Amino acid sequence: MADKEPLATLLETCIVLREVSEYSLQAVIVKDQETDRILYINRRAADLVGLAPSEMINRPCSDFWDPDTNKIYRRDDAEIVANGPRLNYTETSVSRDGRRVCVLTNKWSRKVHGRTVIFLCAVDVLGLNDALTRDTADSFAQADLLRSRIEFEELNERFAKAAGS
């Protein structure tokens, strides 16, 4: 019975970490360095490519990026394995639907069951900028609407007072 408690704790931790990944603002990709196959990808990362995560699991990255971009990514992966993590750098590419993608990236590797695995966490800089711009524009529009409403109510009160006197 005691053996099941650590296993249950491990499984619960895995579930929580997967949820964190799925609801994160970051794109998360885990891939096998040797085969370049995607082992895990969250929704945000798959959205950058324009596919569902289920369409990308266990497929090589070369299926999703043009040969030149994939060659650059493979070279970066080899450097990370040889030299350690690469943090806070930008990568640019073009998504399948033609959007330019620019991400702020952290990438590192780790041996897992004898295989070298590449971990990537990235923030879509252009998408974040668009969202912030849209939210800011919405906030300004709401503030303008509120200001106009207050001005209208003040004018309405003045008109009512003037009409009543």
N, C-alpha and C. Protein backbone atom coordinates (compact mmCIF):
# COMPACT_ATOMS: atom_id res chain seq x y z
N MET A 1 0.82 -1.20 0.00
CA MET A 1 0.00 0.00 0.00
C MET A 1 0.86 1.26 0.00
N ALA A 2 1.97 1.22 0.73
CA ALA A 2 2.85 2.38 0.82
C ALA A 2 3.44 2.73 -0.54
N ASP A 3 3.66 1.71 -1.40
CA ASP A 3 4.22 1.96 -2.73
C ASP A 3 3.27 2.75 -3.62
N LYS A 4 1.97 2.63 -3.40
CA LYS A 4 0.99 3.31 -4.25
C LYS A 4 0.93 4.80 -3.95
N GLU A 5 1.20 5.20 -2.72
CA GLU A 5 1.11 6.62 -2.38
C GLU A 5 2.10 7.47 -3.16
N PRO A 6 3.39 7.10 -3.25
CA PRO A 6 4.30 7.91 -4.07
C PRO A 6 3.89 7.92 -5.55
N LEU A 7 3.40 6.79 -6.05
CA LEU A 7 2.96 6.73 -7.44
C LEU A 7 1.76 7.64 -7.65
N ALA A 8 0.81 7.60 -6.74
CA ALA A 8 -0.36 8.48 -6.84
C ALA A 8 0.06 9.94 -6.79
N THR A 9 1.01 10.26 -5.93
CA THR A 9 1.52 11.63 -5.83
C THR A 9 2.20 12.04 -7.13
N LEU A 10 2.99 11.14 -7.71
CA LEU A 10 3.66 11.42 -8.97
C LEU A 10 2.65 11.65 -10.09
N LEU A 11 1.63 10.80 -10.16
CA LEU A 11 0.61 10.96 -11.20
C LEU A 11 -0.14 12.27 -11.04
N GLU A 12 -0.48 12.61 -9.81
CA GLU A 12 -1.18 13.87 -9.55
C GLU A 12 -0.30 15.06 -9.95
N THR A 13 0.99 14.98 -9.64
CA THR A 13 1.92 16.04 -10.01
C THR A 13 2.00 16.17 -11.53
N CYS A 14 2.04 15.05 -12.23
CA CYS A 14 2.07 15.08 -13.70
C CYS A 14 0.82 15.73 -14.27
N ILE A 15 -0.32 15.41 -13.70
CA ILE A 15 -1.59 16.00 -14.15
C ILE A 15 -1.57 17.51 -13.94
N VAL A 16 -1.12 17.94 -12.77
CA VAL A 16 -1.06 19.37 -12.46
C VAL A 16 -0.10 20.08 -13.41
N LEU A 17 1.07 19.50 -13.65
CA LEU A 17 2.04 20.13 -14.55
C LEU A 17 1.51 20.22 -15.98
N ARG A 18 0.78 19.20 -16.40
CA ARG A 18 0.18 19.25 -17.74
C ARG A 18 -0.86 20.37 -17.81
N GLU A 19 -1.66 20.53 -16.76
CA GLU A 19 -2.64 21.62 -16.73
C GLU A 19 -1.94 22.98 -16.75
N VAL A 20 -0.86 23.12 -16.00
CA VAL A 20 -0.10 24.36 -16.01
C VAL A 20 0.37 24.66 -17.43
N SER A 21 0.88 23.64 -18.10
CA SER A 21 1.35 23.81 -19.47
C SER A 21 0.21 24.21 -20.40
N GLU A 22 -0.93 23.56 -20.27
CA GLU A 22 -2.05 23.83 -21.17
C GLU A 22 -2.64 25.23 -20.98
N TYR A 23 -2.61 25.75 -19.76
CA TYR A 23 -3.20 27.07 -19.51
C TYR A 23 -2.16 28.18 -19.48
N SER A 24 -0.93 27.85 -19.74
CA SER A 24 0.16 28.81 -19.72
C SER A 24 0.09 29.74 -20.93
N LEU A 25 0.65 30.93 -20.78
CA LEU A 25 0.79 31.84 -21.91
C LEU A 25 1.95 31.42 -22.81
N GLN A 26 2.72 30.44 -22.35
CA GLN A 26 3.88 30.00 -23.10
C GLN A 26 3.56 28.81 -23.99
N ALA A 27 4.22 28.81 -25.13
CA ALA A 27 4.21 27.65 -26.00
C ALA A 27 5.22 26.66 -25.42
N VAL A 28 4.83 25.39 -25.31
CA VAL A 28 5.71 24.37 -24.74
C VAL A 28 5.84 23.22 -25.72
N ILE A 29 7.10 22.87 -26.03
CA ILE A 29 7.37 21.73 -26.91
C ILE A 29 8.44 20.88 -26.25
N VAL A 30 8.22 19.56 -26.26
CA VAL A 30 9.22 18.60 -25.81
C VAL A 30 9.45 17.66 -26.98
N LYS A 31 10.73 17.52 -27.39
CA LYS A 31 11.00 16.67 -28.55
C LYS A 31 12.25 15.83 -28.33
N ASP A 32 12.28 14.70 -29.02
CA ASP A 32 13.43 13.80 -29.00
C ASP A 32 14.51 14.41 -29.89
N GLN A 33 15.70 14.64 -29.34
CA GLN A 33 16.75 15.31 -30.09
C GLN A 33 17.24 14.48 -31.27
N GLU A 34 17.35 13.18 -31.09
CA GLU A 34 17.87 12.32 -32.15
C GLU A 34 16.92 12.23 -33.34
N THR A 35 15.65 11.96 -33.08
CA THR A 35 14.68 11.76 -34.16
C THR A 35 13.97 13.06 -34.56
N ASP A 36 14.09 14.09 -33.72
CA ASP A 36 13.43 15.38 -33.93
C ASP A 36 11.90 15.25 -33.88
N ARG A 37 11.42 14.17 -33.27
CA ARG A 37 9.97 13.96 -33.14
C ARG A 37 9.43 14.68 -31.91
N ILE A 38 8.23 15.22 -32.06
CA ILE A 38 7.58 15.93 -30.97
C ILE A 38 6.97 14.91 -30.01
N LEU A 39 7.38 14.98 -28.75
CA LEU A 39 6.87 14.09 -27.72
C LEU A 39 5.68 14.70 -26.99
N TYR A 40 5.71 16.02 -26.85
CA TYR A 40 4.61 16.75 -26.20
C TYR A 40 4.58 18.15 -26.79
N ILE A 41 3.39 18.65 -27.00
CA ILE A 41 3.21 20.04 -27.44
C ILE A 41 1.90 20.55 -26.87
N ASN A 42 1.93 21.74 -26.30
CA ASN A 42 0.68 22.28 -25.76
C ASN A 42 -0.09 23.03 -26.85
N ARG A 43 -1.29 23.39 -26.54
CA ARG A 43 -2.20 24.05 -27.49
C ARG A 43 -1.59 25.34 -28.03
N ARG A 44 -0.98 26.14 -27.15
CA ARG A 44 -0.43 27.42 -27.57
C ARG A 44 0.68 27.24 -28.62
N ALA A 45 1.53 26.24 -28.42
CA ALA A 45 2.60 25.98 -29.40
C ALA A 45 2.01 25.49 -30.72
N ALA A 46 1.04 24.59 -30.65
CA ALA A 46 0.41 24.08 -31.87
C ALA A 46 -0.29 25.20 -32.63
N ASP A 47 -0.90 26.14 -31.90
CA ASP A 47 -1.55 27.28 -32.55
C ASP A 47 -0.58 28.11 -33.38
N LEU A 48 0.66 28.20 -32.91
CA LEU A 48 1.67 28.96 -33.66
C LEU A 48 1.93 28.33 -35.03
N VAL A 49 1.78 27.02 -35.10
CA VAL A 49 2.00 26.30 -36.35
C VAL A 49 0.71 26.24 -37.17
N GLY A 50 -0.42 26.36 -36.50
CA GLY A 50 -1.71 26.31 -37.18
C GLY A 50 -2.34 24.93 -37.23
N LEU A 51 -1.95 24.06 -36.27
CA LEU A 51 -2.51 22.71 -36.20
C LEU A 51 -2.96 22.41 -34.78
N ALA A 52 -3.64 21.30 -34.61
CA ALA A 52 -4.01 20.81 -33.28
C ALA A 52 -2.82 20.02 -32.72
N PRO A 53 -2.64 20.02 -31.39
CA PRO A 53 -1.55 19.23 -30.81
C PRO A 53 -1.57 17.77 -31.25
N SER A 54 -2.75 17.18 -31.36
CA SER A 54 -2.84 15.76 -31.74
C SER A 54 -2.30 15.51 -33.15
N GLU A 55 -2.28 16.54 -34.01
CA GLU A 55 -1.75 16.39 -35.35
C GLU A 55 -0.22 16.46 -35.39
N MET A 56 0.38 16.86 -34.27
CA MET A 56 1.82 17.09 -34.25
C MET A 56 2.60 16.06 -33.43
N ILE A 57 1.92 15.41 -32.48
CA ILE A 57 2.59 14.45 -31.60
C ILE A 57 3.19 13.31 -32.42
N ASN A 58 4.43 12.97 -32.08
CA ASN A 58 5.17 11.85 -32.69
C ASN A 58 5.51 12.06 -34.16
N ARG A 59 5.45 13.30 -34.61
CA ARG A 59 5.87 13.62 -35.98
C ARG A 59 7.14 14.46 -35.91
N PRO A 60 8.01 14.35 -36.90
CA PRO A 60 9.24 15.14 -36.89
C PRO A 60 8.95 16.62 -37.14
N CYS A 61 9.74 17.46 -36.54
CA CYS A 61 9.57 18.90 -36.70
C CYS A 61 9.69 19.33 -38.16
N SER A 62 10.44 18.57 -38.95
CA SER A 62 10.60 18.91 -40.37
C SER A 62 9.27 18.89 -41.12
N ASP A 63 8.25 18.24 -40.55
CA ASP A 63 6.91 18.25 -41.15
C ASP A 63 6.24 19.62 -41.01
N PHE A 64 6.75 20.47 -40.12
CA PHE A 64 6.04 21.71 -39.78
C PHE A 64 6.80 22.98 -40.14
N TRP A 65 8.10 22.88 -40.37
CA TRP A 65 8.90 24.05 -40.71
C TRP A 65 9.61 23.81 -42.03
N ASP A 66 9.88 24.88 -42.72
CA ASP A 66 10.60 24.74 -43.99
C ASP A 66 12.00 24.21 -43.71
N PRO A 67 12.66 23.61 -44.72
CA PRO A 67 13.96 22.95 -44.50
C PRO A 67 15.02 23.88 -43.90
N ASP A 68 15.08 25.14 -44.35
CA ASP A 68 16.10 26.05 -43.82
C ASP A 68 15.86 26.36 -42.35
N THR A 69 14.61 26.62 -42.00
CA THR A 69 14.28 26.91 -40.60
C THR A 69 14.56 25.69 -39.74
N ASN A 70 14.17 24.52 -40.21
CA ASN A 70 14.38 23.30 -39.44
C ASN A 70 15.88 23.03 -39.24
N LYS A 71 16.67 23.32 -40.26
CA LYS A 71 18.13 23.14 -40.16
C LYS A 71 18.70 24.05 -39.06
N ILE A 72 18.21 25.29 -38.99
CA ILE A 72 18.65 26.23 -37.95
C ILE A 72 18.25 25.70 -36.57
N TYR A 73 17.00 25.23 -36.46
CA TYR A 73 16.53 24.70 -35.17
C TYR A 73 17.34 23.48 -34.74
N ARG A 74 17.66 22.60 -35.70
CA ARG A 74 18.45 21.39 -35.37
C ARG A 74 19.85 21.77 -34.92
N ARG A 75 20.44 22.76 -35.58
CA ARG A 75 21.77 23.23 -35.18
C ARG A 75 21.72 23.82 -33.76
N ASP A 76 20.67 24.61 -33.49
CA ASP A 76 20.50 25.17 -32.13
C ASP A 76 20.37 24.05 -31.10
N ASP A 77 19.60 23.01 -31.44
CA ASP A 77 19.42 21.88 -30.51
C ASP A 77 20.77 21.23 -30.19
N ALA A 78 21.58 21.01 -31.22
CA ALA A 78 22.90 20.38 -31.01
C ALA A 78 23.78 21.26 -30.12
N GLU A 79 23.73 22.58 -30.33
CA GLU A 79 24.51 23.51 -29.49
C GLU A 79 24.04 23.47 -28.04
N ILE A 80 22.75 23.35 -27.84
CA ILE A 80 22.20 23.30 -26.49
C ILE A 80 22.63 22.01 -25.79
N VAL A 81 22.61 20.91 -26.51
CA VAL A 81 23.07 19.64 -25.93
C VAL A 81 24.54 19.75 -25.55
N ALA A 82 25.34 20.37 -26.41
CA ALA A 82 26.79 20.48 -26.17
C ALA A 82 27.15 21.53 -25.12
N ASN A 83 26.44 22.65 -25.11
CA ASN A 83 26.85 23.80 -24.29
C ASN A 83 25.92 24.19 -23.16
N GLY A 84 24.76 23.58 -23.08
CA GLY A 84 23.83 23.92 -22.01
C GLY A 84 22.70 24.81 -22.48
N PRO A 85 21.83 25.22 -21.56
CA PRO A 85 20.62 25.96 -21.92
C PRO A 85 20.90 27.25 -22.69
N ARG A 86 19.95 27.60 -23.51
CA ARG A 86 19.97 28.89 -24.22
C ARG A 86 18.70 29.61 -23.78
N LEU A 87 18.88 30.77 -23.15
CA LEU A 87 17.75 31.45 -22.52
C LEU A 87 17.53 32.85 -23.10
N ASN A 88 16.26 33.23 -23.15
CA ASN A 88 15.84 34.58 -23.53
C ASN A 88 16.40 35.04 -24.87
N TYR A 89 16.19 34.26 -25.89
CA TYR A 89 16.58 34.66 -27.24
C TYR A 89 15.36 34.57 -28.15
N THR A 90 15.42 35.24 -29.28
CA THR A 90 14.26 35.23 -30.18
C THR A 90 14.50 34.27 -31.34
N GLU A 91 13.41 33.65 -31.76
CA GLU A 91 13.38 32.81 -32.95
C GLU A 91 12.25 33.33 -33.82
N THR A 92 12.47 33.36 -35.11
CA THR A 92 11.40 33.77 -36.03
C THR A 92 11.18 32.68 -37.06
N SER A 93 9.95 32.56 -37.49
CA SER A 93 9.60 31.60 -38.53
C SER A 93 8.28 32.05 -39.14
N VAL A 94 7.79 31.24 -40.07
CA VAL A 94 6.51 31.52 -40.70
C VAL A 94 5.60 30.33 -40.43
N SER A 95 4.38 30.60 -39.94
CA SER A 95 3.44 29.52 -39.65
C SER A 95 2.89 28.94 -40.95
N ARG A 96 2.21 27.81 -40.83
CA ARG A 96 1.64 27.15 -42.01
C ARG A 96 0.63 28.03 -42.72
N ASP A 97 -0.04 28.92 -41.96
CA ASP A 97 -1.03 29.80 -42.59
C ASP A 97 -0.42 31.12 -43.06
N GLY A 98 0.93 31.21 -43.04
CA GLY A 98 1.62 32.38 -43.58
C GLY A 98 1.90 33.50 -42.60
N ARG A 99 1.47 33.35 -41.34
CA ARG A 99 1.76 34.38 -40.33
C ARG A 99 3.23 34.36 -39.96
N ARG A 100 3.80 35.54 -39.78
CA ARG A 100 5.16 35.62 -39.25
C ARG A 100 5.08 35.39 -37.76
N VAL A 101 5.93 34.52 -37.25
CA VAL A 101 5.94 34.17 -35.83
C VAL A 101 7.29 34.59 -35.25
N CYS A 102 7.24 35.31 -34.15
CA CYS A 102 8.45 35.69 -33.44
C CYS A 102 8.24 35.32 -31.97
N VAL A 103 9.11 34.48 -31.44
CA VAL A 103 8.95 34.01 -30.06
C VAL A 103 10.20 34.30 -29.24
N LEU A 104 9.99 34.67 -27.99
CA LEU A 104 11.06 34.78 -27.01
C LEU A 104 11.18 33.40 -26.38
N THR A 105 12.37 32.81 -26.47
CA THR A 105 12.52 31.38 -26.22
C THR A 105 13.52 31.06 -25.13
N ASN A 106 13.21 30.02 -24.36
CA ASN A 106 14.15 29.32 -23.48
C ASN A 106 14.18 27.88 -23.96
N LYS A 107 15.40 27.34 -24.12
CA LYS A 107 15.54 25.97 -24.61
C LYS A 107 16.65 25.28 -23.83
N TRP A 108 16.40 24.02 -23.44
CA TRP A 108 17.40 23.24 -22.72
C TRP A 108 17.21 21.78 -23.03
N SER A 109 18.18 20.97 -22.62
CA SER A 109 18.08 19.53 -22.87
C SER A 109 18.29 18.76 -21.57
N ARG A 110 17.85 17.51 -21.61
CA ARG A 110 17.99 16.62 -20.44
C ARG A 110 17.94 15.18 -20.95
N LYS A 111 18.69 14.32 -20.30
CA LYS A 111 18.60 12.88 -20.61
C LYS A 111 17.37 12.32 -19.89
N VAL A 112 16.54 11.62 -20.63
CA VAL A 112 15.35 10.98 -20.08
C VAL A 112 15.34 9.55 -20.60
N HIS A 113 15.47 8.58 -19.72
CA HIS A 113 15.51 7.17 -20.10
C HIS A 113 16.54 6.92 -21.21
N GLY A 114 17.70 7.54 -21.07
CA GLY A 114 18.79 7.32 -22.01
C GLY A 114 18.69 8.11 -23.31
N ARG A 115 17.62 8.87 -23.49
CA ARG A 115 17.44 9.68 -24.71
C ARG A 115 17.65 11.15 -24.36
N THR A 116 18.19 11.90 -25.30
CA THR A 116 18.32 13.35 -25.10
C THR A 116 17.03 14.00 -25.55
N VAL A 117 16.43 14.74 -24.64
CA VAL A 117 15.15 15.40 -24.90
C VAL A 117 15.38 16.91 -24.86
N ILE A 118 14.82 17.61 -25.83
CA ILE A 118 14.89 19.07 -25.91
C ILE A 118 13.58 19.63 -25.37
N PHE A 119 13.70 20.60 -24.48
CA PHE A 119 12.55 21.30 -23.90
C PHE A 119 12.57 22.74 -24.41
N LEU A 120 11.43 23.21 -24.85
CA LEU A 120 11.33 24.58 -25.33
C LEU A 120 10.11 25.24 -24.71
N CYS A 121 10.31 26.42 -24.13
CA CYS A 121 9.21 27.26 -23.66
C CYS A 121 9.38 28.60 -24.35
N ALA A 122 8.32 29.11 -24.94
CA ALA A 122 8.43 30.34 -25.71
C ALA A 122 7.16 31.17 -25.57
N VAL A 123 7.33 32.48 -25.68
CA VAL A 123 6.20 33.40 -25.67
C VAL A 123 6.09 34.02 -27.06
N ASP A 124 4.91 33.98 -27.62
CA ASP A 124 4.63 34.57 -28.94
C ASP A 124 4.64 36.09 -28.78
N VAL A 125 5.75 36.71 -29.14
CA VAL A 125 5.91 38.15 -28.93
C VAL A 125 4.90 38.95 -29.75
N LEU A 126 4.72 38.59 -31.01
CA LEU A 126 3.78 39.32 -31.86
C LEU A 126 2.34 39.12 -31.40
N GLY A 127 1.99 37.88 -31.04
CA GLY A 127 0.64 37.61 -30.55
C GLY A 127 0.35 38.31 -29.24
N LEU A 128 1.34 38.34 -28.34
CA LEU A 128 1.18 39.03 -27.07
C LEU A 128 1.02 40.53 -27.30
N ASN A 129 1.81 41.09 -28.22
CA ASN A 129 1.70 42.50 -28.55
C ASN A 129 0.32 42.83 -29.11
N ASP A 130 -0.19 41.96 -30.01
CA ASP A 130 -1.52 42.17 -30.57
C ASP A 130 -2.59 42.14 -29.48
N ALA A 131 -2.47 41.17 -28.57
CA ALA A 131 -3.45 41.04 -27.48
C ALA A 131 -3.40 42.27 -26.57
N LEU A 132 -2.20 42.70 -26.23
CA LEU A 132 -2.07 43.88 -25.37
C LEU A 132 -2.61 45.12 -26.06
N THR A 133 -2.32 45.25 -27.34
CA THR A 133 -2.82 46.41 -28.11
C THR A 133 -4.34 46.38 -28.14
N ARG A 134 -4.91 45.20 -28.40
CA ARG A 134 -6.37 45.05 -28.47
C ARG A 134 -7.00 45.36 -27.11
N ASP A 135 -6.41 44.81 -26.02
CA ASP A 135 -6.94 45.07 -24.68
C ASP A 135 -6.82 46.54 -24.32
N THR A 136 -5.71 47.16 -24.69
CA THR A 136 -5.53 48.58 -24.40
C THR A 136 -6.55 49.40 -25.17
N ALA A 137 -6.75 49.06 -26.44
CA ALA A 137 -7.74 49.77 -27.25
C ALA A 137 -9.14 49.61 -26.66
N ASP A 138 -9.48 48.39 -26.21
CA ASP A 138 -10.77 48.15 -25.56
C ASP A 138 -10.90 48.98 -24.30
N SER A 139 -9.82 49.05 -23.50
CA SER A 139 -9.85 49.83 -22.26
C SER A 139 -10.07 51.31 -22.55
N PHE A 140 -9.38 51.83 -23.58
CA PHE A 140 -9.55 53.23 -23.95
C PHE A 140 -10.97 53.47 -24.44
N ALA A 141 -11.50 52.55 -25.24
CA ALA A 141 -12.86 52.70 -25.76
C ALA A 141 -13.87 52.69 -24.62
N GLN A 142 -13.68 51.80 -23.63
CA GLN A 142 -14.58 51.76 -22.48
C GLN A 142 -14.48 53.04 -21.67
N ALA A 143 -13.26 53.56 -21.49
CA ALA A 143 -13.07 54.80 -20.74
C ALA A 143 -13.73 55.96 -21.48
N ASP A 144 -13.58 56.01 -22.82
CA ASP A 144 -14.22 57.07 -23.61
C ASP A 144 -15.74 56.98 -23.51
N LEU A 145 -16.27 55.77 -23.56
CA LEU A 145 -17.72 55.57 -23.45
C LEU A 145 -18.22 56.05 -22.09
N LEU A 146 -17.50 55.68 -21.02
CA LEU A 146 -17.89 56.11 -19.68
C LEU A 146 -17.83 57.63 -19.56
N ARG A 147 -16.77 58.24 -20.08
CA ARG A 147 -16.62 59.69 -20.04
C ARG A 147 -17.77 60.36 -20.79
N SER A 148 -18.11 59.83 -21.96
CA SER A 148 -19.21 60.40 -22.75
C SER A 148 -20.53 60.27 -22.01
N ARG A 149 -20.73 59.13 -21.35
CA ARG A 149 -21.97 58.92 -20.60
C ARG A 149 -22.10 59.91 -19.45
N ILE A 150 -20.99 60.13 -18.74
CA ILE A 150 -21.00 61.09 -17.62
C ILE A 150 -21.28 62.49 -18.14
N GLU A 151 -20.61 62.87 -19.26
CA GLU A 151 -20.85 64.19 -19.84
C GLU A 151 -22.31 64.34 -20.27
N PHE A 152 -22.87 63.28 -20.87
CA PHE A 152 -24.26 63.32 -21.30
C PHE A 152 -25.19 63.50 -20.09
N GLU A 153 -24.93 62.75 -19.01
CA GLU A 153 -25.76 62.87 -17.81
C GLU A 153 -25.66 64.26 -17.20
N GLU A 154 -24.46 64.85 -17.20
CA GLU A 154 -24.29 66.20 -16.68
C GLU A 154 -25.05 67.22 -17.54
N LEU A 155 -24.94 67.07 -18.87
CA LEU A 155 -25.67 67.96 -19.76
C LEU A 155 -27.17 67.79 -19.59
N ASN A 156 -27.62 66.56 -19.43
CA ASN A 156 -29.03 66.28 -19.24
C ASN A 156 -29.54 66.94 -17.96
N GLU A 157 -28.74 66.87 -16.87
CA GLU A 157 -29.12 67.51 -15.60
C GLU A 157 -29.19 69.02 -15.76
N ARG A 158 -28.21 69.61 -16.45
CA ARG A 158 -28.23 71.08 -16.67
C ARG A 158 -29.46 71.49 -17.48
N PHE A 159 -29.75 70.69 -18.52
CA PHE A 159 -30.90 71.00 -19.37
C PHE A 159 -32.20 70.91 -18.55
N ALA A 160 -32.30 69.87 -17.69
CA ALA A 160 -33.49 69.69 -16.87
C ALA A 160 -33.63 70.85 -15.91
N LYS A 161 -32.51 71.31 -15.28
CA LYS A 161 -32.56 72.45 -14.36
C LYS A 161 -32.96 73.72 -15.11
N ALA A 162 -32.39 73.91 -16.30
CA ALA A 162 -32.70 75.11 -17.06
C ALA A 162 -34.15 75.09 -17.52
N ALA A 163 -34.67 73.95 -17.87
CA ALA A 163 -36.05 73.83 -18.32
C ALA A 163 -37.02 74.01 -17.15
N GLY A 164 -36.56 73.62 -15.95
CA GLY A 164 -37.42 73.73 -14.78
C GLY A 164 -37.44 75.14 -14.20
N SER A 165 -36.48 75.99 -14.53
CA SER A 165 -36.49 77.33 -13.92
C SER A 165 -37.19 78.33 -14.75
